[in-house]
Amino acid sequence: MFDNLSGRLSDAARKLSGKGRLTDANIKDTLRQVRLALLEADVALPVVKSFIDRIRDRAVGEEVGRSLTPGQELVKIIHAELVQLLGKNTQPLELRAQPPVVLFLAGLQGAGKTTTAAKLARRLIEKNKKRVAMVSVDVRRPAAILQLKTLATEVGAAFVDSEARENPRKIVDRALDESRRTHVDVLLVDTAGRLHVDDEMMNEVVDVHARAKPHETFFVIDSMAGQDAVNAARAFDSRLPITGVILTKADGDAKGGVALSVSEVTGKPIRFIGVGEKTDALEEFHPERMASRILGMGDVLSLVEEIEDKVNRKKVEKLAGKLKKGRGFDLADLRDQLEQMMSMGGMAAMLEKLPLPGGVNAAAVKEGADDQQLRRQVAIINSMTPQERRFPKTINGSRKRRIAGGSGLQVQDVNRLLKQHQQMARMMKKMSRGGMKNMLRGLGGGGLPPGMGPGRS
């Protein structure tokens, strides 16, 4: 989401190299570039102005520490101000209340409220071990009710039925009664959206909100919607006691302006961020980590948490035990690794959270991380027999042609996969013998992760 902004901010800071200290004169051009970068990212003009003023006030006259260059000093100041802009601190869900705890979702049509409700439900069920029910009061769109019902089934939440002819207040009353009777911990209320803010819409959502008496009221905002969405957030905040913002579609082509504007404009923190279409693609929002990602410093903590959540521990332990016994790393093992990488959003999503060296073009590196290549490699392995997966050396020319035909690819694609498997097998062998030190030495010898090697097809 922040690729262009990250590049511009890094370029601006690098231009201060060679300066002894930060002065009004030597940061003037740099701050002008920062201002242009923020405006290009569609950050609200008043937010840009106050942000630049705060950086200038802190930077001018700042002595550069012995371990920092002027550019690094400015990046440190920008990072601190970005954290402030994004909401200072992470605010987890407050679930300590008499059940059912009601979470209320409001926002414009198309922002992703219904999908976000399902993502929240899944998170509450899997992470917080809560019994969750969901209800839709969008009586103007029967399809929205059906969509939420389907998603509730998918994530394992209870669903309270509603119909287009019902009064939204009565739907909420019934949902609360059912939740109490069935000992539900959390009730998610998905409200109707509109294409724009109007009195009818606001009166209805205020009315339903008063009936539901929610513990948390979230405004769901599309990160690609631009400043109109930020203005809508301000309008909702004037009528509803919003406790936080959920930013959706952050994995898309958004410039990032909404994320950098909405908290400052509304005074409400961003609580969650949607990073994909699947129901597990919802992350808790951490201002400090996001500021680091914007400045190209990576977000290793979030990556570690994601690995802990999504990597299949049983398969990892099984592979570790297999390697310890001296058995080789076969193609079925490689397929498991590829599928786990895809479950985490692929190489591009992982690279977004890793710090990249100065001067490296983050956008170019992510473009080179071809996630489609991972899917092609899984297709190749699936086209093999179990015997071939276990004993790759038996795969001769005729077998390669059959495998290529079965996967819809070329023989050279099969050859490339087999070569990458050999590299990983050598790396795994070193790891099993000498631990992490030998594994890193193996990586230094050219054992790149699948999908990151040269000559992509």
Protein backbone atom coordinates (compact mmCIF):
# COMPACT_ATOMS: atom_id res chain seq x y z
CA MET A 1 0.00 0.00 0.00
CA PHE A 2 2.83 2.42 0.85
CA ASP A 3 5.40 1.41 -1.80
CA ASN A 4 5.54 4.75 -3.62
CA LEU A 5 5.45 6.79 -0.42
CA SER A 6 8.20 4.65 1.14
CA GLY A 7 10.47 5.18 -1.84
CA ARG A 8 9.91 8.95 -1.89
CA LEU A 9 10.53 9.35 1.85
CA SER A 10 13.73 7.27 1.68
CA ASP A 11 15.03 9.28 -1.30
CA ALA A 12 14.32 12.55 0.53
CA ALA A 13 16.23 11.45 3.64
CA ARG A 14 19.24 10.21 1.62
CA LYS A 15 19.76 13.70 0.18
CA LEU A 16 20.88 14.91 3.62
CA SER A 17 24.02 12.75 3.58
CA GLY A 18 27.20 14.65 4.34
CA LYS A 19 25.53 17.32 6.49
CA GLY A 20 26.79 17.86 10.04
CA ARG A 21 23.47 18.80 11.53
CA LEU A 22 19.86 19.44 10.57
CA THR A 23 19.16 23.11 9.79
CA ASP A 24 16.27 25.00 8.27
CA ALA A 25 18.33 25.49 5.11
CA ASN A 26 19.42 21.90 4.51
CA ILE A 27 16.05 20.30 5.30
CA LYS A 28 13.94 22.80 3.35
CA ASP A 29 14.12 20.88 0.06
CA THR A 30 13.82 17.55 1.86
CA LEU A 31 10.62 18.60 3.62
CA ARG A 32 9.23 19.90 0.33
CA GLN A 33 9.74 16.42 -1.14
CA VAL A 34 8.14 14.82 1.91
CA ARG A 35 5.15 17.16 1.52
CA LEU A 36 4.79 16.27 -2.19
CA ALA A 37 5.07 12.56 -1.39
CA LEU A 38 2.27 12.80 1.18
CA LEU A 39 0.02 14.81 -1.15
CA GLU A 40 0.62 12.27 -3.95
CA ALA A 41 -0.40 9.56 -1.48
CA ASP A 42 -3.73 11.44 -1.08
CA VAL A 43 -3.15 12.45 2.54
CA ALA A 44 -5.56 15.20 3.61
CA LEU A 45 -4.03 18.68 3.16
CA PRO A 46 -4.53 19.85 6.81
CA VAL A 47 -2.88 16.61 7.99
CA VAL A 48 0.09 17.16 5.67
CA LYS A 49 0.55 20.73 6.88
CA SER A 50 0.52 19.90 10.59
CA PHE A 51 2.74 16.84 10.01
CA ILE A 52 5.41 18.85 8.15
CA ASP A 53 5.28 21.64 10.75
CA ARG A 54 5.86 19.15 13.57
CA ILE A 55 8.82 17.57 11.75
CA ARG A 56 10.39 20.98 11.09
CA ASP A 57 9.96 22.07 14.71
CA ARG A 58 11.65 18.90 15.96
CA ALA A 59 14.36 18.69 13.28
CA VAL A 60 15.81 22.19 13.01
CA GLY A 61 18.82 22.55 15.27
CA GLU A 62 18.83 18.85 16.14
CA GLU A 63 22.39 17.69 16.73
CA VAL A 64 23.17 14.46 14.89
CA GLY A 65 24.22 11.66 17.24
CA ARG A 66 27.55 9.93 16.69
CA SER A 67 25.90 6.78 15.41
CA LEU A 68 23.45 8.56 13.07
CA THR A 69 23.74 10.48 9.80
CA PRO A 70 21.52 13.55 9.27
CA GLY A 71 19.33 11.45 6.96
CA GLN A 72 18.94 8.79 9.64
CA GLU A 73 18.18 11.46 12.24
CA LEU A 74 15.41 12.84 10.02
CA VAL A 75 14.02 9.34 9.43
CA LYS A 76 13.96 8.84 13.22
CA ILE A 77 11.95 12.06 13.62
CA ILE A 78 9.60 11.17 10.73
CA HIS A 79 9.08 7.71 12.26
CA ALA A 80 8.10 9.21 15.62
CA GLU A 81 5.67 11.63 13.95
CA LEU A 82 4.17 8.84 11.79
CA VAL A 83 3.48 6.82 14.94
CA GLN A 84 1.73 9.88 16.37
CA LEU A 85 -0.23 10.36 13.14
CA LEU A 86 -1.33 6.71 13.00
CA GLY A 87 -2.73 6.71 16.53
CA LYS A 88 0.18 6.31 18.98
CA ASN A 89 -0.70 2.99 20.61
CA THR A 90 -2.27 -0.34 19.72
CA GLN A 91 -5.73 -0.69 21.27
CA PRO A 92 -6.89 -4.31 21.63
CA LEU A 93 -10.54 -5.30 21.75
CA GLU A 94 -12.25 -4.72 25.09
CA LEU A 95 -14.23 -7.90 25.74
CA ARG A 96 -14.51 -7.77 29.52
CA ALA A 97 -18.21 -7.12 29.91
CA GLN A 98 -21.47 -8.95 30.57
CA PRO A 99 -22.09 -11.15 27.50
CA PRO A 100 -23.09 -10.76 24.83
CA VAL A 101 -20.47 -8.12 24.08
CA VAL A 102 -21.84 -6.24 21.04
CA LEU A 103 -19.53 -5.09 18.25
CA PHE A 104 -21.20 -2.68 15.82
CA LEU A 105 -19.94 -2.14 12.23
CA ALA A 106 -20.91 0.98 10.26
CA GLY A 107 -19.68 2.54 7.02
CA LEU A 108 -20.38 3.28 3.39
CA GLN A 109 -21.54 0.67 0.88
CA GLY A 110 -18.68 -1.27 -0.68
CA ALA A 111 -16.25 -0.61 2.16
CA GLY A 112 -16.20 -4.32 3.06
CA LYS A 113 -18.29 -4.36 6.27
CA THR A 114 -19.77 -7.82 5.75
CA THR A 115 -16.44 -9.47 4.94
CA THR A 116 -14.83 -7.60 7.84
CA ALA A 117 -17.54 -8.91 10.19
CA ALA A 118 -16.63 -12.47 9.14
CA LYS A 119 -12.92 -11.76 9.63
CA LEU A 120 -13.56 -10.37 13.11
CA ALA A 121 -15.72 -13.38 13.96
CA ARG A 122 -13.01 -15.80 12.87
CA ARG A 123 -10.38 -13.91 14.87
CA LEU A 124 -12.57 -13.96 17.99
CA ILE A 125 -13.30 -17.67 17.61
CA GLU A 126 -9.73 -18.78 16.88
CA LYS A 127 -7.64 -16.33 18.92
CA ASN A 128 -9.95 -15.39 21.78
CA LYS A 129 -11.86 -18.70 21.98
CA LYS A 130 -15.21 -16.90 22.05
CA ARG A 131 -18.68 -18.08 21.03
CA VAL A 132 -19.69 -15.63 18.31
CA ALA A 133 -23.04 -14.80 16.66
CA MET A 134 -23.60 -12.54 13.66
CA VAL A 135 -26.64 -10.59 12.49
CA SER A 136 -27.33 -8.30 9.54
CA VAL A 137 -29.70 -5.33 9.78
CA ASP A 138 -29.19 -4.42 6.10
CA VAL A 139 -32.87 -4.88 5.20
CA ARG A 140 -32.48 -3.01 1.91
CA ARG A 141 -30.12 -5.63 0.49
CA PRO A 142 -31.32 -9.22 1.00
CA ALA A 143 -28.14 -10.39 -0.75
CA ALA A 144 -26.09 -8.86 2.10
CA ILE A 145 -28.03 -10.96 4.63
CA LEU A 146 -27.40 -14.11 2.59
CA GLN A 147 -23.70 -13.22 2.21
CA LEU A 148 -23.28 -12.82 5.96
CA LYS A 149 -25.08 -16.11 6.60
CA THR A 150 -22.72 -17.91 4.19
CA LEU A 151 -19.66 -16.33 5.80
CA ALA A 152 -20.92 -17.16 9.31
CA THR A 153 -21.09 -20.82 8.33
CA GLU A 154 -17.58 -20.62 6.83
CA VAL A 155 -15.96 -19.20 9.98
CA GLY A 156 -17.98 -21.25 12.47
CA ALA A 157 -20.14 -18.46 13.94
CA ALA A 158 -23.83 -18.65 14.80
CA PHE A 159 -26.17 -16.63 12.59
CA VAL A 160 -29.37 -14.83 13.60
CA ASP A 161 -31.75 -14.79 10.63
CA SER A 162 -33.31 -11.55 9.40
CA GLU A 163 -35.58 -10.65 6.51
CA ALA A 164 -35.92 -7.65 4.19
CA ARG A 165 -39.38 -6.73 5.48
CA GLU A 166 -38.31 -6.57 9.15
CA ASN A 167 -37.63 -3.48 11.22
CA PRO A 168 -33.87 -3.25 12.00
CA ARG A 169 -34.58 -2.47 15.67
CA LYS A 170 -36.62 -5.65 16.07
CA ILE A 171 -33.85 -7.65 14.40
CA VAL A 172 -31.36 -6.33 16.97
CA ASP A 173 -33.73 -7.09 19.86
CA ARG A 174 -34.17 -10.67 18.66
CA ALA A 175 -30.43 -11.11 18.10
CA LEU A 176 -29.70 -9.96 21.67
CA ASP A 177 -32.36 -12.32 23.08
CA GLU A 178 -31.04 -15.30 21.08
CA SER A 179 -27.44 -14.51 22.05
CA ARG A 180 -28.31 -14.46 25.75
CA ARG A 181 -30.35 -17.65 25.48
CA THR A 182 -27.58 -19.55 23.63
CA HIS A 183 -24.75 -18.16 25.80
CA VAL A 184 -23.02 -16.28 23.00
CA ASP A 185 -19.97 -14.25 24.12
CA VAL A 186 -19.84 -11.74 21.25
CA LEU A 187 -22.56 -10.48 18.89
CA LEU A 188 -21.44 -8.78 15.65
CA VAL A 189 -23.98 -6.39 14.11
CA ASP A 190 -23.48 -5.67 10.39
CA THR A 191 -25.35 -2.51 9.35
CA ALA A 192 -26.58 -1.15 6.02
CA GLY A 193 -24.22 0.90 3.89
CA ARG A 194 -24.99 3.73 1.49
CA LEU A 195 -23.18 5.22 -1.48
CA HIS A 196 -23.01 8.56 0.35
CA VAL A 197 -23.87 10.08 3.71
CA ASP A 198 -27.51 11.21 3.98
CA ASP A 199 -29.94 12.03 6.79
CA GLU A 200 -32.05 8.89 6.29
CA MET A 201 -29.00 6.68 6.54
CA MET A 202 -27.61 8.43 9.59
CA ASN A 203 -30.95 8.42 11.43
CA GLU A 204 -31.37 4.70 10.80
CA VAL A 205 -27.87 3.74 11.95
CA VAL A 206 -28.15 5.96 15.05
CA ASP A 207 -31.49 4.35 15.88
CA VAL A 208 -30.16 0.81 15.53
CA HIS A 209 -27.03 1.72 17.49
CA ALA A 210 -29.13 3.01 20.40
CA ARG A 211 -31.04 -0.30 20.43
CA ALA A 212 -27.90 -2.47 20.27
CA LYS A 213 -25.97 -0.56 22.98
CA PRO A 214 -22.63 -1.81 21.59
CA HIS A 215 -19.40 -2.00 23.55
CA GLU A 216 -17.35 -1.20 20.43
CA THR A 217 -18.47 0.83 17.40
CA PHE A 218 -16.24 0.48 14.35
CA PHE A 219 -16.25 2.61 11.24
CA VAL A 220 -15.17 0.42 8.32
CA ILE A 221 -13.31 2.37 5.66
CA ASP A 222 -12.00 1.38 2.22
CA SER A 223 -8.31 2.32 2.00
CA MET A 224 -8.70 2.88 -1.76
CA ALA A 225 -11.67 5.27 -1.44
CA GLY A 226 -9.61 8.46 -0.99
CA GLN A 227 -10.53 11.55 0.98
CA ASP A 228 -14.29 11.10 0.43
CA ALA A 229 -14.08 8.13 2.79
CA VAL A 230 -12.25 10.24 5.38
CA ASN A 231 -14.98 12.89 5.16
CA ALA A 232 -17.59 10.14 5.63
CA ALA A 233 -15.70 8.94 8.72
CA ARG A 234 -15.88 12.47 10.15
CA ALA A 235 -19.65 12.58 9.44
CA PHE A 236 -20.26 9.24 11.15
CA ASP A 237 -18.11 10.25 14.11
CA SER A 238 -20.30 13.32 14.62
CA ARG A 239 -23.39 11.11 15.04
CA LEU A 240 -22.05 7.86 16.53
CA PRO A 241 -19.65 7.23 19.44
CA ILE A 242 -17.07 5.54 17.20
CA THR A 243 -14.40 3.69 19.22
CA GLY A 244 -12.15 2.79 16.30
CA VAL A 245 -11.58 2.43 12.58
CA ILE A 246 -11.10 -0.75 10.55
CA LEU A 247 -9.14 -0.18 7.34
CA THR A 248 -9.99 -2.60 4.51
CA LYS A 249 -8.34 -3.58 1.19
CA ALA A 250 -4.87 -2.52 2.35
CA ASP A 251 -3.41 -5.21 0.08
CA GLY A 252 -4.75 -3.39 -2.99
CA ASP A 253 -3.45 -0.48 -4.99
CA ALA A 254 -4.17 2.13 -2.33
CA LYS A 255 -1.78 5.06 -1.98
CA GLY A 256 -2.02 5.05 1.80
CA GLY A 257 -3.54 8.51 2.28
CA VAL A 258 -6.63 7.21 4.08
CA ALA A 259 -4.52 5.34 6.64
CA LEU A 260 -2.46 8.46 7.31
CA SER A 261 -5.46 10.80 7.49
CA VAL A 262 -8.36 9.04 9.18
CA SER A 263 -7.00 8.82 12.72
CA GLU A 264 -5.87 12.45 12.79
CA VAL A 265 -9.13 13.71 11.24
CA THR A 266 -11.49 11.73 13.50
CA GLY A 267 -9.35 11.45 16.60
CA LYS A 268 -10.15 7.71 16.61
CA PRO A 269 -7.52 4.96 16.38
CA ILE A 270 -7.21 2.43 13.58
CA ARG A 271 -7.88 -0.89 15.33
CA PHE A 272 -7.62 -3.47 12.54
CA ILE A 273 -6.41 -3.62 8.96
CA GLY A 274 -7.68 -5.97 6.24
CA VAL A 275 -4.84 -7.38 4.14
CA GLY A 276 -6.60 -9.80 1.79
CA GLU A 277 -9.88 -11.35 0.71
CA LYS A 278 -9.74 -14.49 2.87
CA THR A 279 -11.38 -14.55 6.28
CA ASP A 280 -8.02 -14.90 8.06
CA ALA A 281 -6.64 -11.73 6.41
CA LEU A 282 -7.24 -9.31 9.29
CA GLU A 283 -4.39 -7.91 11.38
CA GLU A 284 -4.40 -5.93 14.58
CA PHE A 285 -3.13 -2.44 13.77
CA HIS A 286 0.17 -1.41 15.37
CA PRO A 287 1.04 2.26 14.63
CA GLU A 288 4.75 1.82 15.39
CA ARG A 289 5.07 -1.25 13.17
CA MET A 290 3.16 0.43 10.34
CA ALA A 291 5.39 3.51 10.58
CA SER A 292 8.41 1.22 10.23
CA ARG A 293 6.91 -0.42 7.15
CA ILE A 294 6.21 2.97 5.56
CA LEU A 295 9.86 3.93 6.05
CA GLY A 296 11.15 0.63 4.63
CA MET A 297 12.29 -0.70 8.02
CA GLY A 298 10.08 -3.78 7.80
CA ASP A 299 7.78 -5.30 10.40
CA VAL A 300 9.49 -8.43 11.63
CA LEU A 301 7.32 -8.72 14.76
CA SER A 302 4.13 -9.00 12.67
CA LEU A 303 5.82 -11.52 10.38
CA VAL A 304 6.82 -13.68 13.37
CA GLU A 305 3.25 -13.50 14.75
CA GLU A 306 1.86 -14.47 11.35
CA ILE A 307 4.24 -17.43 11.11
CA GLU A 308 3.17 -18.58 14.58
CA ASP A 309 -0.50 -18.30 13.60
CA LYS A 310 -0.45 -19.80 10.15
CA VAL A 311 2.40 -22.29 9.94
CA ASN A 312 1.26 -25.88 10.51
CA ARG A 313 3.23 -26.90 13.61
CA LYS A 314 2.55 -30.61 13.13
CA LYS A 315 4.06 -30.55 9.65
CA VAL A 316 7.07 -28.56 10.88
CA GLU A 317 7.69 -31.01 13.73
CA LYS A 318 7.23 -33.95 11.37
CA LEU A 319 9.80 -32.51 8.94
CA ALA A 320 12.24 -31.74 11.77
CA GLY A 321 11.94 -35.31 13.07
CA LYS A 322 12.42 -36.70 9.57
CA LEU A 323 15.58 -34.65 8.99
CA LYS A 324 16.94 -35.59 12.41
CA LYS A 325 16.63 -39.28 11.49
CA GLY A 326 18.70 -38.64 8.36
CA ARG A 327 15.83 -38.99 5.89
CA GLY A 328 15.96 -36.61 2.95
CA PHE A 329 13.89 -33.52 2.16
CA ASP A 330 11.61 -34.77 -0.64
CA LEU A 331 9.23 -33.02 -3.04
CA ALA A 332 6.21 -33.63 -0.83
CA ASP A 333 8.04 -31.68 1.90
CA LEU A 334 8.77 -28.90 -0.59
CA ARG A 335 5.07 -28.75 -1.51
CA ASP A 336 4.20 -28.32 2.19
CA GLN A 337 6.64 -25.39 2.41
CA LEU A 338 5.21 -23.76 -0.73
CA GLU A 339 1.62 -24.12 0.49
CA GLN A 340 2.49 -22.61 3.87
CA MET A 341 4.13 -19.64 2.14
CA MET A 342 0.96 -19.15 0.06
CA SER A 343 -1.19 -19.29 3.21
CA MET A 344 0.80 -16.29 4.47
CA GLY A 345 0.04 -14.26 1.33
CA GLY A 346 3.01 -15.39 -0.75
CA MET A 347 6.51 -13.98 -1.08
CA ALA A 348 5.38 -10.39 -1.77
CA ALA A 349 3.40 -10.23 1.50
CA MET A 350 6.35 -11.62 3.44
CA LEU A 351 8.83 -9.23 1.81
CA GLU A 352 6.61 -6.28 2.75
CA LYS A 353 7.34 -7.08 6.39
CA LEU A 354 11.09 -7.55 5.97
CA PRO A 355 13.55 -4.64 6.20
CA LEU A 356 15.37 -4.05 2.92
CA PRO A 357 18.89 -2.56 2.62
CA GLY A 358 19.21 1.13 1.71
CA GLY A 359 19.08 1.80 -2.00
CA VAL A 360 17.07 -1.36 -2.73
CA ASN A 361 13.91 -0.68 -4.70
CA ALA A 362 11.20 -2.35 -2.57
CA ALA A 363 8.61 -2.25 -5.34
CA ALA A 364 10.98 -3.95 -7.79
CA VAL A 365 11.88 -6.68 -5.28
CA LYS A 366 8.20 -7.40 -4.59
CA GLU A 367 7.46 -7.47 -8.30
CA GLY A 368 10.24 -10.05 -8.67
CA ALA A 369 8.62 -12.21 -5.99
CA ASP A 370 6.28 -14.00 -8.36
CA ASP A 371 3.56 -15.60 -6.24
CA GLN A 372 2.10 -17.20 -9.35
CA GLN A 373 5.37 -19.13 -9.55
CA LEU A 374 4.58 -20.76 -6.19
CA ARG A 375 1.23 -21.98 -7.53
CA ARG A 376 2.90 -23.31 -10.68
CA GLN A 377 5.45 -25.21 -8.61
CA VAL A 378 2.71 -26.81 -6.50
CA ALA A 379 0.92 -27.82 -9.73
CA ILE A 380 4.13 -29.50 -10.97
CA ILE A 381 4.54 -31.49 -7.74
CA ASN A 382 0.85 -32.47 -7.79
CA SER A 383 1.37 -33.90 -11.29
CA MET A 384 3.95 -36.37 -9.95
CA THR A 385 3.28 -39.82 -8.54
CA PRO A 386 3.85 -40.38 -4.79
CA GLN A 387 6.94 -42.43 -5.72
CA GLU A 388 8.37 -39.57 -7.79
CA ARG A 389 7.81 -37.08 -4.97
CA ARG A 390 9.64 -39.35 -2.57
CA PHE A 391 12.50 -40.22 -4.94
CA PRO A 392 13.13 -37.21 -7.26
CA LYS A 393 16.18 -38.86 -8.80
CA THR A 394 13.90 -41.35 -10.59
CA ILE A 395 12.41 -38.54 -12.67
CA ASN A 396 13.92 -39.04 -16.13
CA GLY A 397 13.21 -37.29 -19.44
CA SER A 398 9.97 -39.11 -20.26
CA ARG A 399 8.65 -38.59 -16.73
CA LYS A 400 9.48 -34.87 -16.96
CA ARG A 401 7.47 -34.59 -20.18
CA ARG A 402 4.50 -36.34 -18.55
CA ILE A 403 4.69 -34.12 -15.45
CA ALA A 404 4.98 -30.97 -17.56
CA GLY A 405 1.93 -31.98 -19.62
CA GLY A 406 -0.07 -32.78 -16.50
CA SER A 407 0.64 -29.38 -14.94
CA GLY A 408 0.18 -27.42 -18.18
CA LEU A 409 3.79 -26.19 -18.10
CA GLN A 410 7.09 -26.81 -19.88
CA VAL A 411 9.86 -29.34 -19.22
CA GLN A 412 12.23 -26.47 -18.34
CA ASP A 413 9.80 -25.48 -15.55
CA VAL A 414 10.07 -29.01 -14.14
CA ASN A 415 13.88 -28.84 -14.42
CA ARG A 416 13.94 -25.52 -12.60
CA LEU A 417 11.80 -26.89 -9.76
CA LEU A 418 14.01 -29.98 -9.42
CA LYS A 419 17.11 -27.76 -9.24
CA GLN A 420 15.54 -25.59 -6.54
CA HIS A 421 14.56 -28.72 -4.64
CA GLN A 422 18.17 -29.92 -4.74
CA GLN A 423 19.36 -26.59 -3.34
CA MET A 424 16.80 -26.71 -0.52
CA ALA A 425 17.60 -30.38 0.21
CA ARG A 426 21.29 -29.47 0.62
CA MET A 427 20.35 -26.57 2.88
CA MET A 428 18.10 -28.79 5.02
CA LYS A 429 20.87 -31.38 5.29
CA LYS A 430 23.31 -28.74 6.59
CA MET A 431 20.68 -27.46 8.99
CA SER A 432 20.07 -30.94 10.42
CA ARG A 433 23.82 -31.45 10.94
CA GLY A 434 24.97 -28.08 12.19
CA GLY A 435 21.95 -25.97 13.01
CA MET A 436 21.19 -22.43 11.92
CA LYS A 437 24.82 -21.44 11.23
CA ASN A 438 25.20 -24.06 8.52
CA MET A 439 21.76 -23.31 7.13
CA LEU A 440 22.71 -19.64 6.66
CA ARG A 441 25.96 -20.73 5.03
CA GLY A 442 23.86 -22.85 2.68
CA LEU A 443 21.71 -19.85 1.83
CA GLY A 444 24.85 -17.85 1.13
CA GLY A 445 25.79 -20.51 -1.39
CA GLY A 446 22.74 -19.74 -3.49
CA GLY A 447 19.87 -21.63 -1.86
CA LEU A 448 17.19 -19.04 -2.55
CA PRO A 449 13.59 -19.64 -1.50
CA PRO A 450 11.35 -21.01 -4.28
CA GLY A 451 9.89 -18.31 -6.48
CA MET A 452 12.81 -15.95 -5.80
CA GLY A 453 15.38 -17.49 -8.12
CA PRO A 454 16.33 -16.14 -11.54
CA GLY A 455 14.59 -17.10 -14.74
CA ARG A 456 10.97 -17.10 -13.67
CA SER A 457 8.59 -18.65 -16.12
